[in-house]
Amino acid sequence: MNINAKYFGPISYEKKETIHIINGLIGFESHTEYLPISFQEDDDSMISLQCLDDEALSFILLNPFGIFPDYDPVLPKYELEELGTDSADDISFYVIGVIRDSVAESTINLKAPLAVNALNRRAKQVILDHPEYTFRHFLGDMRKEG
C-alpha cells in the first residue's frame, strides 16, 4: 500500500505496520488507522503518526522516557484488557508533541499519552490519573528540572 505522508512524501507500507487507535485521538475520534513513521531509522524517540485516511493529518509523537525519565504511566486493568493484554510489559507509551521554532516553547502532553500494544498493534489515548502530569509541559521547563 502507498500513502503520501505529510512529512515524508510518498511511502510504501504493509498493513502489519499500521496501528488501530481505539476511539481515535481526542478531537480526532473518526480517524482510527495510522502508520507510525520514525524520523530516524530504528529510533522511536520521535515518530510521525500519519493518518491513513487523511494524508494532511499527522501527529508528532515522542518517547517520553528520554525526556522525562521519571515518567510513570499506569493503566488500570480494564484499559489493558481493551488493548488486548493483561501485562503492562506489552505496552509502549508515546506522548503527543507540539513542536515550535524554539525547542523551549515546544510542548508535550504527559496527561494523555498514546498507549500501544506492540504485539497486536492496538492503541488507545488514555487519560492518566496523575495530578503531576498536564496536557502541556514545556520542554524548556523540563530541561531545567533534569
C-alpha atoms as a PDB file:
ATOM      1  CA  MET A   1       0.000   0.000   0.000  1.00  0.00           C
ATOM      2  CA  ASN A   2       1.081   3.604  -0.511  1.00  0.00           C
ATOM      3  CA  ILE A   3       0.449   6.968   1.109  1.00  0.00           C
ATOM      4  CA  ASN A   4       1.691  10.493   0.563  1.00  0.00           C
ATOM      5  CA  ALA A   5       2.914  11.129   4.117  1.00  0.00           C
ATOM      6  CA  LYS A   6       2.794  14.713   5.372  1.00  0.00           C
ATOM      7  CA  TYR A   7       6.457  14.886   6.446  1.00  0.00           C
ATOM      8  CA  PHE A   8       7.970  12.216   4.182  1.00  0.00           C
ATOM      9  CA  GLY A   9       6.170  12.300   0.840  1.00  0.00           C
ATOM     10  CA  PRO A  10       5.308   9.009  -0.898  1.00  0.00           C
ATOM     11  CA  ILE A  11       5.774   5.955   1.328  1.00  0.00           C
ATOM     12  CA  SER A  12       5.035   2.282   0.788  1.00  0.00           C
ATOM     13  CA  TYR A  13       3.868   0.256   3.767  1.00  0.00           C
ATOM     14  CA  GLU A  14       2.264  -3.034   4.692  1.00  0.00           C
ATOM     15  CA  LYS A  15      -0.934  -3.447   6.721  1.00  0.00           C
ATOM     16  CA  LYS A  16       1.039  -5.138   9.531  1.00  0.00           C
ATOM     17  CA  GLU A  17       2.918  -1.843  10.111  1.00  0.00           C
ATOM     18  CA  THR A  18      -0.238   0.138  10.882  1.00  0.00           C
ATOM     19  CA  ILE A  19      -1.852   0.709  14.247  1.00  0.00           C
ATOM     20  CA  HIS A  20      -5.523   0.917  15.121  1.00  0.00           C
ATOM     21  CA  ILE A  21      -6.358   3.568  17.713  1.00  0.00           C
ATOM     22  CA  ILE A  22      -9.462   2.563  19.658  1.00  0.00           C
ATOM     23  CA  ASN A  23     -11.903   5.524  19.531  1.00  0.00           C
ATOM     24  CA  GLY A  24      -9.255   7.663  17.750  1.00  0.00           C
ATOM     25  CA  LEU A  25      -7.332  10.514  19.346  1.00  0.00           C
ATOM     26  CA  ILE A  26      -9.090  13.191  21.384  1.00  0.00           C
ATOM     27  CA  GLY A  27     -10.620  15.606  18.899  1.00  0.00           C
ATOM     28  CA  PHE A  28     -10.000  13.196  16.003  1.00  0.00           C
ATOM     29  CA  GLU A  29     -12.250  10.306  17.029  1.00  0.00           C
ATOM     30  CA  SER A  30     -13.282   9.393  13.468  1.00  0.00           C
ATOM     31  CA  HIS A  31      -9.671   8.705  12.430  1.00  0.00           C
ATOM     32  CA  THR A  32      -8.547   5.340  13.785  1.00  0.00           C
ATOM     33  CA  GLU A  33      -5.995   3.926  11.326  1.00  0.00           C
ATOM     34  CA  TYR A  34      -2.420   5.263  11.395  1.00  0.00           C
ATOM     35  CA  LEU A  35       1.064   4.494  10.193  1.00  0.00           C
ATOM     36  CA  PRO A  36       3.869   5.298  12.645  1.00  0.00           C
ATOM     37  CA  ILE A  37       6.968   6.537  10.792  1.00  0.00           C
ATOM     38  CA  SER A  38      10.231   7.095  12.682  1.00  0.00           C
ATOM     39  CA  PHE A  39      12.132  10.229  11.793  1.00  0.00           C
ATOM     40  CA  GLN A  40      15.347   8.210  12.253  1.00  0.00           C
ATOM     41  CA  GLU A  41      15.609   4.537  11.363  1.00  0.00           C
ATOM     42  CA  ASP A  42      15.497   2.181  14.378  1.00  0.00           C
ATOM     43  CA  ASP A  43      14.852   5.097  16.762  1.00  0.00           C
ATOM     44  CA  ASP A  44      11.474   5.690  18.399  1.00  0.00           C
ATOM     45  CA  SER A  45      12.387   8.962  20.114  1.00  0.00           C
ATOM     46  CA  MET A  46      10.365  10.950  17.555  1.00  0.00           C
ATOM     47  CA  ILE A  47       7.668   9.491  15.300  1.00  0.00           C
ATOM     48  CA  SER A  48       5.250  10.879  12.767  1.00  0.00           C
ATOM     49  CA  LEU A  49       1.844   9.291  13.376  1.00  0.00           C
ATOM     50  CA  GLN A  50       0.441   9.503   9.847  1.00  0.00           C
ATOM     51  CA  CYS A  51      -3.325   9.194   9.452  1.00  0.00           C
ATOM     52  CA  LEU A  52      -4.172   6.739   6.677  1.00  0.00           C
ATOM     53  CA  ASP A  53      -7.494   8.249   5.626  1.00  0.00           C
ATOM     54  CA  ASP A  54      -6.375  11.903   5.672  1.00  0.00           C
ATOM     55  CA  GLU A  55      -2.869  12.487   4.305  1.00  0.00           C
ATOM     56  CA  ALA A  56      -2.813  16.046   5.706  1.00  0.00           C
ATOM     57  CA  LEU A  57      -3.260  14.727   9.258  1.00  0.00           C
ATOM     58  CA  SER A  58      -0.133  13.694  11.124  1.00  0.00           C
ATOM     59  CA  PHE A  59       0.897  13.973  14.754  1.00  0.00           C
ATOM     60  CA  ILE A  60       4.377  14.173  16.239  1.00  0.00           C
ATOM     61  CA  LEU A  61       4.878  11.525  18.913  1.00  0.00           C
ATOM     62  CA  LEU A  62       7.798  11.427  21.299  1.00  0.00           C
ATOM     63  CA  ASN A  63       9.087   8.697  23.561  1.00  0.00           C
ATOM     64  CA  PRO A  64       8.517  10.355  26.956  1.00  0.00           C
ATOM     65  CA  PHE A  65      11.121   8.359  28.853  1.00  0.00           C
ATOM     66  CA  GLY A  66      14.036  10.016  27.037  1.00  0.00           C
ATOM     67  CA  ILE A  67      12.752  13.462  28.017  1.00  0.00           C
ATOM     68  CA  PHE A  68      11.229  12.735  31.403  1.00  0.00           C
ATOM     69  CA  PRO A  69      12.948   9.645  32.910  1.00  0.00           C
ATOM     70  CA  ASP A  70      10.646   9.626  35.959  1.00  0.00           C
ATOM     71  CA  TYR A  71       7.512   9.329  33.804  1.00  0.00           C
ATOM     72  CA  ASP A  72       5.418   6.534  35.275  1.00  0.00           C
ATOM     73  CA  PRO A  73       2.165   5.904  33.382  1.00  0.00           C
ATOM     74  CA  VAL A  74      -0.009   3.199  34.911  1.00  0.00           C
ATOM     75  CA  LEU A  75      -3.052   1.747  33.188  1.00  0.00           C
ATOM     76  CA  PRO A  76      -5.967   0.202  35.027  1.00  0.00           C
ATOM     77  CA  LYS A  77      -6.751  -3.432  34.262  1.00  0.00           C
ATOM     78  CA  TYR A  78      -9.779  -2.603  32.069  1.00  0.00           C
ATOM     79  CA  GLU A  79      -7.620  -0.475  29.739  1.00  0.00           C
ATOM     80  CA  LEU A  80      -5.004  -3.209  29.472  1.00  0.00           C
ATOM     81  CA  GLU A  81      -7.806  -5.621  28.571  1.00  0.00           C
ATOM     82  CA  GLU A  82      -9.156  -3.187  25.971  1.00  0.00           C
ATOM     83  CA  LEU A  83      -5.679  -3.142  24.417  1.00  0.00           C
ATOM     84  CA  GLY A  84      -5.711  -6.952  24.346  1.00  0.00           C
ATOM     85  CA  THR A  85      -3.247  -7.750  27.112  1.00  0.00           C
ATOM     86  CA  ASP A  86      -3.050  -8.415  30.823  1.00  0.00           C
ATOM     87  CA  SER A  87       0.571  -7.280  31.088  1.00  0.00           C
ATOM     88  CA  ALA A  88       1.793  -3.681  31.188  1.00  0.00           C
ATOM     89  CA  ASP A  89       5.061  -5.018  29.739  1.00  0.00           C
ATOM     90  CA  ASP A  90       3.338  -5.286  26.327  1.00  0.00           C
ATOM     91  CA  ILE A  91       2.529  -1.559  26.282  1.00  0.00           C
ATOM     92  CA  SER A  92       4.678   1.228  24.861  1.00  0.00           C
ATOM     93  CA  PHE A  93       3.824   4.845  25.632  1.00  0.00           C
ATOM     94  CA  TYR A  94       4.184   7.880  23.390  1.00  0.00           C
ATOM     95  CA  VAL A  95       3.230  11.485  24.049  1.00  0.00           C
ATOM     96  CA  ILE A  96       1.924  13.964  21.520  1.00  0.00           C
ATOM     97  CA  GLY A  97       4.244  16.888  20.962  1.00  0.00           C
ATOM     98  CA  VAL A  98       3.621  20.343  19.598  1.00  0.00           C
ATOM     99  CA  ILE A  99       6.906  21.379  18.015  1.00  0.00           C
ATOM    100  CA  ARG A 100       7.592  25.109  17.820  1.00  0.00           C
ATOM    101  CA  ASP A 101      10.516  27.020  16.269  1.00  0.00           C
ATOM    102  CA  SER A 102      12.020  27.195  19.756  1.00  0.00           C
ATOM    103  CA  VAL A 103      12.534  23.825  21.442  1.00  0.00           C
ATOM    104  CA  ALA A 104      11.975  25.508  24.820  1.00  0.00           C
ATOM    105  CA  GLU A 105       8.484  26.583  23.727  1.00  0.00           C
ATOM    106  CA  SER A 106       7.596  23.157  22.321  1.00  0.00           C
ATOM    107  CA  THR A 107       5.215  21.138  24.486  1.00  0.00           C
ATOM    108  CA  ILE A 108       4.357  17.532  25.237  1.00  0.00           C
ATOM    109  CA  ASN A 109       1.166  16.066  26.654  1.00  0.00           C
ATOM    110  CA  LEU A 110       2.078  13.801  29.573  1.00  0.00           C
ATOM    111  CA  LYS A 111      -1.529  13.601  30.820  1.00  0.00           C
ATOM    112  CA  ALA A 112      -2.968  11.824  27.770  1.00  0.00           C
ATOM    113  CA  PRO A 113      -0.342   9.533  26.224  1.00  0.00           C
ATOM    114  CA  LEU A 114      -0.914   7.042  23.447  1.00  0.00           C
ATOM    115  CA  ALA A 115      -0.651   3.515  24.858  1.00  0.00           C
ATOM    116  CA  VAL A 116       0.314   0.999  22.166  1.00  0.00           C
ATOM    117  CA  ASN A 117       0.214  -2.775  22.453  1.00  0.00           C
ATOM    118  CA  ALA A 118       3.315  -3.695  20.461  1.00  0.00           C
ATOM    119  CA  LEU A 119       2.093  -7.266  19.955  1.00  0.00           C
ATOM    120  CA  ASN A 120      -1.295  -6.650  18.306  1.00  0.00           C
ATOM    121  CA  ARG A 121      -0.826  -3.013  17.126  1.00  0.00           C
ATOM    122  CA  ARG A 122      -3.887  -1.787  19.050  1.00  0.00           C
ATOM    123  CA  ALA A 123      -3.563   1.613  20.679  1.00  0.00           C
ATOM    124  CA  LYS A 124      -5.596   3.967  22.809  1.00  0.00           C
ATOM    125  CA  GLN A 125      -5.140   7.516  24.000  1.00  0.00           C
ATOM    126  CA  VAL A 126      -5.575   7.332  27.761  1.00  0.00           C
ATOM    127  CA  ILE A 127      -6.017   9.968  30.441  1.00  0.00           C
ATOM    128  CA  LEU A 128      -3.746   9.253  33.377  1.00  0.00           C
ATOM    129  CA  ASP A 129      -4.933   9.743  36.940  1.00  0.00           C
ATOM    130  CA  HIS A 130      -1.736  11.501  37.974  1.00  0.00           C
ATOM    131  CA  PRO A 131      -2.030  15.146  39.104  1.00  0.00           C
ATOM    132  CA  GLU A 132       1.623  15.908  38.276  1.00  0.00           C
ATOM    133  CA  TYR A 133       1.009  15.315  34.559  1.00  0.00           C
ATOM    134  CA  THR A 134      -0.698  18.013  32.497  1.00  0.00           C
ATOM    135  CA  PHE A 135      -1.727  18.415  28.882  1.00  0.00           C
ATOM    136  CA  ARG A 136       1.071  20.960  28.172  1.00  0.00           C
ATOM    137  CA  HIS A 137       4.547  20.519  29.593  1.00  0.00           C
ATOM    138  CA  PHE A 138       7.058  22.948  28.073  1.00  0.00           C
ATOM    139  CA  LEU A 139      10.274  21.213  27.018  1.00  0.00           C
ATOM    140  CA  GLY A 140      12.272  24.229  28.204  1.00  0.00           C
ATOM    141  CA  ASP A 141      10.938  23.754  31.744  1.00  0.00           C
ATOM    142  CA  MET A 142      11.714  20.026  31.674  1.00  0.00           C
ATOM    143  CA  ARG A 143      15.360  20.647  30.777  1.00  0.00           C
ATOM    144  CA  LYS A 144      15.755  22.825  33.875  1.00  0.00           C
ATOM    145  CA  GLU A 145      14.287  20.071  36.059  1.00  0.00           C
ATOM    146  CA  GLY A 146      16.523  17.364  34.606  1.00  0.00           C
END
